[in-house]
Amino acid sequence: MPSFDFTSDADMVALKNAVDVAARQINNRYDFKGTAAKVELDEKEKLITLFGDSDFQLGQIKDILFPALEKKEKESVKRLDAQAAQKISGNKVKQVLKIKSGIDAELAKKIVKLIKDEKLKAQAFIQGDAVRVQGAKRDELQAVIALITRSIVDFPVKAGNFRD
């Protein structure tokens, strides 16, 4: 019986490269000279931290970072969970962007419900941070992939691990 998995894993190498590109651009910009503007990636905790002198400067850093992320990994900005900006030491501010990896339970339930509501001849099972879909025919599975990619637009979901 053919099957495949819906997953959503962050490509940490691509994210690291994008953060490095953005950090170089920030260091080279004339209007950021002598300011606290910088961007850091914590791979272990899966956090991107933005530092700046004001909320406006954090916005400018995001304008540099987000296109670099999109260039390295498509839809990677959708997996970022922006926390509120915090004041640190005087007039400096920082903002933490959490990198969400894996499909959480709520999204997995939504995927299973979409497949059941569409009455496709496929079964979906939640397995940890992935959703396995089984069907009798490849065409049904391709219809499921098309349905999910069309319906889930707020979080990057990939279909992979196809088995015949």
C-alpha atoms as a PDB file:
ATOM      1  CA  MET A   1       0.000   0.000   0.000  1.00  0.00           C
ATOM      2  CA  PRO A   2       1.612   3.310  -1.058  1.00  0.00           C
ATOM      3  CA  SER A   3       2.291   5.866   1.671  1.00  0.00           C
ATOM      4  CA  PHE A   4       4.172   9.090   2.357  1.00  0.00           C
ATOM      5  CA  ASP A   5       4.801  11.490   5.244  1.00  0.00           C
ATOM      6  CA  PHE A   6       3.990  15.156   5.724  1.00  0.00           C
ATOM      7  CA  THR A   7       6.849  16.750   7.672  1.00  0.00           C
ATOM      8  CA  SER A   8       8.217  20.190   8.388  1.00  0.00           C
ATOM      9  CA  ASP A   9      11.875  20.247   9.335  1.00  0.00           C
ATOM     10  CA  ALA A  10      13.974  23.389   9.384  1.00  0.00           C
ATOM     11  CA  ASP A  11      17.122  23.203   7.267  1.00  0.00           C
ATOM     12  CA  MET A  12      19.550  24.535   9.881  1.00  0.00           C
ATOM     13  CA  VAL A  13      22.460  24.715   7.417  1.00  0.00           C
ATOM     14  CA  ALA A  14      20.461  26.959   5.075  1.00  0.00           C
ATOM     15  CA  LEU A  15      19.291  29.088   8.019  1.00  0.00           C
ATOM     16  CA  LYS A  16      22.876  29.436   9.290  1.00  0.00           C
ATOM     17  CA  ASN A  17      24.056  30.512   5.835  1.00  0.00           C
ATOM     18  CA  ALA A  18      21.238  33.059   5.555  1.00  0.00           C
ATOM     19  CA  VAL A  19      21.995  34.514   9.005  1.00  0.00           C
ATOM     20  CA  ASP A  20      25.695  34.761   8.072  1.00  0.00           C
ATOM     21  CA  VAL A  21      24.813  36.585   4.836  1.00  0.00           C
ATOM     22  CA  ALA A  22      22.540  38.983   6.721  1.00  0.00           C
ATOM     23  CA  ALA A  23      25.217  39.592   9.404  1.00  0.00           C
ATOM     24  CA  ARG A  24      27.757  40.492   6.707  1.00  0.00           C
ATOM     25  CA  GLN A  25      25.304  42.891   5.072  1.00  0.00           C
ATOM     26  CA  ILE A  26      24.581  44.523   8.439  1.00  0.00           C
ATOM     27  CA  ASN A  27      28.307  44.941   9.144  1.00  0.00           C
ATOM     28  CA  ASN A  28      28.829  46.555   5.730  1.00  0.00           C
ATOM     29  CA  ARG A  29      25.937  49.025   5.892  1.00  0.00           C
ATOM     30  CA  TYR A  30      26.984  52.593   6.562  1.00  0.00           C
ATOM     31  CA  ASP A  31      23.864  53.511   8.566  1.00  0.00           C
ATOM     32  CA  PHE A  32      24.554  50.643  11.008  1.00  0.00           C
ATOM     33  CA  LYS A  33      28.155  51.732  11.782  1.00  0.00           C
ATOM     34  CA  GLY A  34      28.631  52.360  15.495  1.00  0.00           C
ATOM     35  CA  THR A  35      25.265  50.875  16.467  1.00  0.00           C
ATOM     36  CA  ALA A  36      24.287  47.690  18.268  1.00  0.00           C
ATOM     37  CA  ALA A  37      22.781  46.203  15.089  1.00  0.00           C
ATOM     38  CA  LYS A  38      23.553  42.508  14.751  1.00  0.00           C
ATOM     39  CA  VAL A  39      21.893  39.141  14.241  1.00  0.00           C
ATOM     40  CA  GLU A  40      22.803  35.836  15.930  1.00  0.00           C
ATOM     41  CA  LEU A  41      21.707  32.231  15.469  1.00  0.00           C
ATOM     42  CA  ASP A  42      21.561  29.745  18.350  1.00  0.00           C
ATOM     43  CA  GLU A  43      21.392  26.373  16.586  1.00  0.00           C
ATOM     44  CA  LYS A  44      20.979  24.331  19.761  1.00  0.00           C
ATOM     45  CA  GLU A  45      17.979  26.305  21.043  1.00  0.00           C
ATOM     46  CA  LYS A  46      16.739  27.081  17.482  1.00  0.00           C
ATOM     47  CA  LEU A  47      16.588  30.845  18.052  1.00  0.00           C
ATOM     48  CA  ILE A  48      17.515  33.859  15.942  1.00  0.00           C
ATOM     49  CA  THR A  49      18.224  36.950  18.044  1.00  0.00           C
ATOM     50  CA  LEU A  50      18.137  40.459  16.572  1.00  0.00           C
ATOM     51  CA  PHE A  51      19.894  43.312  18.390  1.00  0.00           C
ATOM     52  CA  GLY A  52      19.458  47.002  17.637  1.00  0.00           C
ATOM     53  CA  ASP A  53      19.197  50.534  19.002  1.00  0.00           C
ATOM     54  CA  SER A  54      15.433  50.898  18.382  1.00  0.00           C
ATOM     55  CA  ASP A  55      12.356  49.085  17.122  1.00  0.00           C
ATOM     56  CA  PHE A  56      12.833  50.850  13.792  1.00  0.00           C
ATOM     57  CA  GLN A  57      16.338  49.389  13.489  1.00  0.00           C
ATOM     58  CA  LEU A  58      14.987  45.907  14.294  1.00  0.00           C
ATOM     59  CA  GLY A  59      12.602  46.376  11.373  1.00  0.00           C
ATOM     60  CA  GLN A  60      15.517  47.281   9.114  1.00  0.00           C
ATOM     61  CA  ILE A  61      17.407  44.177  10.247  1.00  0.00           C
ATOM     62  CA  LYS A  62      14.345  42.042   9.445  1.00  0.00           C
ATOM     63  CA  ASP A  63      14.213  43.646   5.991  1.00  0.00           C
ATOM     64  CA  ILE A  64      17.745  42.331   5.428  1.00  0.00           C
ATOM     65  CA  LEU A  65      17.280  38.939   7.123  1.00  0.00           C
ATOM     66  CA  PHE A  66      13.953  37.765   5.681  1.00  0.00           C
ATOM     67  CA  PRO A  67      14.916  37.940   1.965  1.00  0.00           C
ATOM     68  CA  ALA A  68      18.174  36.136   2.783  1.00  0.00           C
ATOM     69  CA  LEU A  69      16.188  33.383   4.532  1.00  0.00           C
ATOM     70  CA  GLU A  70      13.747  33.075   1.632  1.00  0.00           C
ATOM     71  CA  LYS A  71      16.602  32.854  -0.843  1.00  0.00           C
ATOM     72  CA  LYS A  72      18.216  29.950   1.020  1.00  0.00           C
ATOM     73  CA  GLU A  73      15.045  28.027   1.967  1.00  0.00           C
ATOM     74  CA  LYS A  74      11.621  28.724   0.475  1.00  0.00           C
ATOM     75  CA  GLU A  75       8.889  29.630   3.003  1.00  0.00           C
ATOM     76  CA  SER A  76      11.358  29.632   5.908  1.00  0.00           C
ATOM     77  CA  VAL A  77      10.050  32.972   7.215  1.00  0.00           C
ATOM     78  CA  LYS A  78       6.678  31.302   7.900  1.00  0.00           C
ATOM     79  CA  ARG A  79       8.323  28.998  10.435  1.00  0.00           C
ATOM     80  CA  LEU A  80       9.611  31.930  12.543  1.00  0.00           C
ATOM     81  CA  ASP A  81       7.668  32.827  15.690  1.00  0.00           C
ATOM     82  CA  ALA A  82       8.509  36.433  16.582  1.00  0.00           C
ATOM     83  CA  GLN A  83       8.526  37.251  20.295  1.00  0.00           C
ATOM     84  CA  ALA A  84       7.946  40.748  21.634  1.00  0.00           C
ATOM     85  CA  ALA A  85      10.888  43.163  21.495  1.00  0.00           C
ATOM     86  CA  GLN A  86      12.655  43.612  24.854  1.00  0.00           C
ATOM     87  CA  LYS A  87      14.584  46.593  26.188  1.00  0.00           C
ATOM     88  CA  ILE A  88      18.102  45.751  27.341  1.00  0.00           C
ATOM     89  CA  SER A  89      20.787  47.943  28.938  1.00  0.00           C
ATOM     90  CA  GLY A  90      19.701  51.495  28.373  1.00  0.00           C
ATOM     91  CA  ASN A  91      18.330  52.319  24.946  1.00  0.00           C
ATOM     92  CA  LYS A  92      19.151  48.984  23.248  1.00  0.00           C
ATOM     93  CA  VAL A  93      16.489  46.466  22.202  1.00  0.00           C
ATOM     94  CA  LYS A  94      16.493  42.815  21.185  1.00  0.00           C
ATOM     95  CA  GLN A  95      13.966  40.507  19.615  1.00  0.00           C
ATOM     96  CA  VAL A  96      13.966  36.724  19.604  1.00  0.00           C
ATOM     97  CA  LEU A  97      12.634  34.731  16.650  1.00  0.00           C
ATOM     98  CA  LYS A  98      11.895  31.090  17.519  1.00  0.00           C
ATOM     99  CA  ILE A  99      12.372  28.564  14.722  1.00  0.00           C
ATOM    100  CA  LYS A 100       9.444  26.129  14.695  1.00  0.00           C
ATOM    101  CA  SER A 101      10.355  22.660  13.482  1.00  0.00           C
ATOM    102  CA  GLY A 102       8.060  19.695  13.066  1.00  0.00           C
ATOM    103  CA  ILE A 103       4.302  19.576  12.780  1.00  0.00           C
ATOM    104  CA  ASP A 104       2.603  20.382  16.084  1.00  0.00           C
ATOM    105  CA  ALA A 105      -0.470  18.438  17.252  1.00  0.00           C
ATOM    106  CA  GLU A 106      -2.950  21.153  16.263  1.00  0.00           C
ATOM    107  CA  LEU A 107      -1.688  21.344  12.661  1.00  0.00           C
ATOM    108  CA  ALA A 108      -1.531  17.543  12.420  1.00  0.00           C
ATOM    109  CA  LYS A 109      -5.180  17.301  13.483  1.00  0.00           C
ATOM    110  CA  LYS A 110      -6.080  19.945  10.905  1.00  0.00           C
ATOM    111  CA  ILE A 111      -4.324  17.941   8.141  1.00  0.00           C
ATOM    112  CA  VAL A 112      -6.123  14.715   9.138  1.00  0.00           C
ATOM    113  CA  LYS A 113      -9.466  16.552   9.262  1.00  0.00           C
ATOM    114  CA  LEU A 114      -8.906  18.079   5.797  1.00  0.00           C
ATOM    115  CA  ILE A 115      -8.214  14.639   4.319  1.00  0.00           C
ATOM    116  CA  LYS A 116     -11.286  13.087   5.982  1.00  0.00           C
ATOM    117  CA  ASP A 117     -13.589  15.983   5.026  1.00  0.00           C
ATOM    118  CA  GLU A 118     -12.522  15.757   1.376  1.00  0.00           C
ATOM    119  CA  LYS A 119     -13.596  12.054   1.408  1.00  0.00           C
ATOM    120  CA  LEU A 120     -10.457  10.928  -0.395  1.00  0.00           C
ATOM    121  CA  LYS A 121      -9.625   7.221  -0.338  1.00  0.00           C
ATOM    122  CA  ALA A 122      -6.646   7.710   1.943  1.00  0.00           C
ATOM    123  CA  GLN A 123      -6.034   7.339   5.664  1.00  0.00           C
ATOM    124  CA  ALA A 124      -3.950   9.789   7.693  1.00  0.00           C
ATOM    125  CA  PHE A 125      -2.189   8.911  10.957  1.00  0.00           C
ATOM    126  CA  ILE A 126      -0.378  11.249  13.336  1.00  0.00           C
ATOM    127  CA  GLN A 127       3.095   9.915  14.159  1.00  0.00           C
ATOM    128  CA  GLY A 128       4.989  12.235  16.487  1.00  0.00           C
ATOM    129  CA  ASP A 129       5.803  15.399  14.561  1.00  0.00           C
ATOM    130  CA  ALA A 130       4.789  13.926  11.176  1.00  0.00           C
ATOM    131  CA  VAL A 131       1.584  12.786   9.492  1.00  0.00           C
ATOM    132  CA  ARG A 132       1.650   9.506   7.550  1.00  0.00           C
ATOM    133  CA  VAL A 133      -0.845   9.136   4.706  1.00  0.00           C
ATOM    134  CA  GLN A 134      -1.706   5.756   3.149  1.00  0.00           C
ATOM    135  CA  GLY A 135      -3.849   5.080   0.131  1.00  0.00           C
ATOM    136  CA  ALA A 136      -4.654   2.354  -2.368  1.00  0.00           C
ATOM    137  CA  LYS A 137      -3.521   4.304  -5.428  1.00  0.00           C
ATOM    138  CA  ARG A 138      -0.839   6.852  -6.193  1.00  0.00           C
ATOM    139  CA  ASP A 139      -3.402   9.164  -7.773  1.00  0.00           C
ATOM    140  CA  GLU A 140      -5.264   9.440  -4.465  1.00  0.00           C
ATOM    141  CA  LEU A 141      -2.031  10.271  -2.660  1.00  0.00           C
ATOM    142  CA  GLN A 142      -1.198  12.928  -5.251  1.00  0.00           C
ATOM    143  CA  ALA A 143      -4.663  14.415  -4.726  1.00  0.00           C
ATOM    144  CA  VAL A 144      -3.955  14.518  -0.967  1.00  0.00           C
ATOM    145  CA  ILE A 145      -0.623  16.303  -1.567  1.00  0.00           C
ATOM    146  CA  ALA A 146      -2.336  18.848  -3.837  1.00  0.00           C
ATOM    147  CA  LEU A 147      -5.108  19.398  -1.263  1.00  0.00           C
ATOM    148  CA  ILE A 148      -2.722  19.962   1.647  1.00  0.00           C
ATOM    149  CA  THR A 149      -0.316  22.246  -0.252  1.00  0.00           C
ATOM    150  CA  ARG A 150      -3.319  24.295  -1.401  1.00  0.00           C
ATOM    151  CA  SER A 151      -4.969  24.411   2.049  1.00  0.00           C
ATOM    152  CA  ILE A 152      -2.035  24.852   4.466  1.00  0.00           C
ATOM    153  CA  VAL A 153      -0.430  28.159   3.510  1.00  0.00           C
ATOM    154  CA  ASP A 154       0.587  29.559   6.896  1.00  0.00           C
ATOM    155  CA  PHE A 155       3.271  26.939   7.688  1.00  0.00           C
ATOM    156  CA  PRO A 156       5.719  25.123   5.371  1.00  0.00           C
ATOM    157  CA  VAL A 157       4.692  21.467   5.032  1.00  0.00           C
ATOM    158  CA  LYS A 158       6.646  19.038   2.836  1.00  0.00           C
ATOM    159  CA  ALA A 159       5.561  15.684   1.467  1.00  0.00           C
ATOM    160  CA  GLY A 160       8.316  13.096   1.441  1.00  0.00           C
ATOM    161  CA  ASN A 161       9.383   9.538   2.292  1.00  0.00           C
ATOM    162  CA  PHE A 162       7.180   8.095  -0.451  1.00  0.00           C
ATOM    163  CA  ARG A 163       6.928   4.294  -0.341  1.00  0.00           C
ATOM    164  CA  ASP A 164       5.219   2.111  -2.880  1.00  0.00           C
END
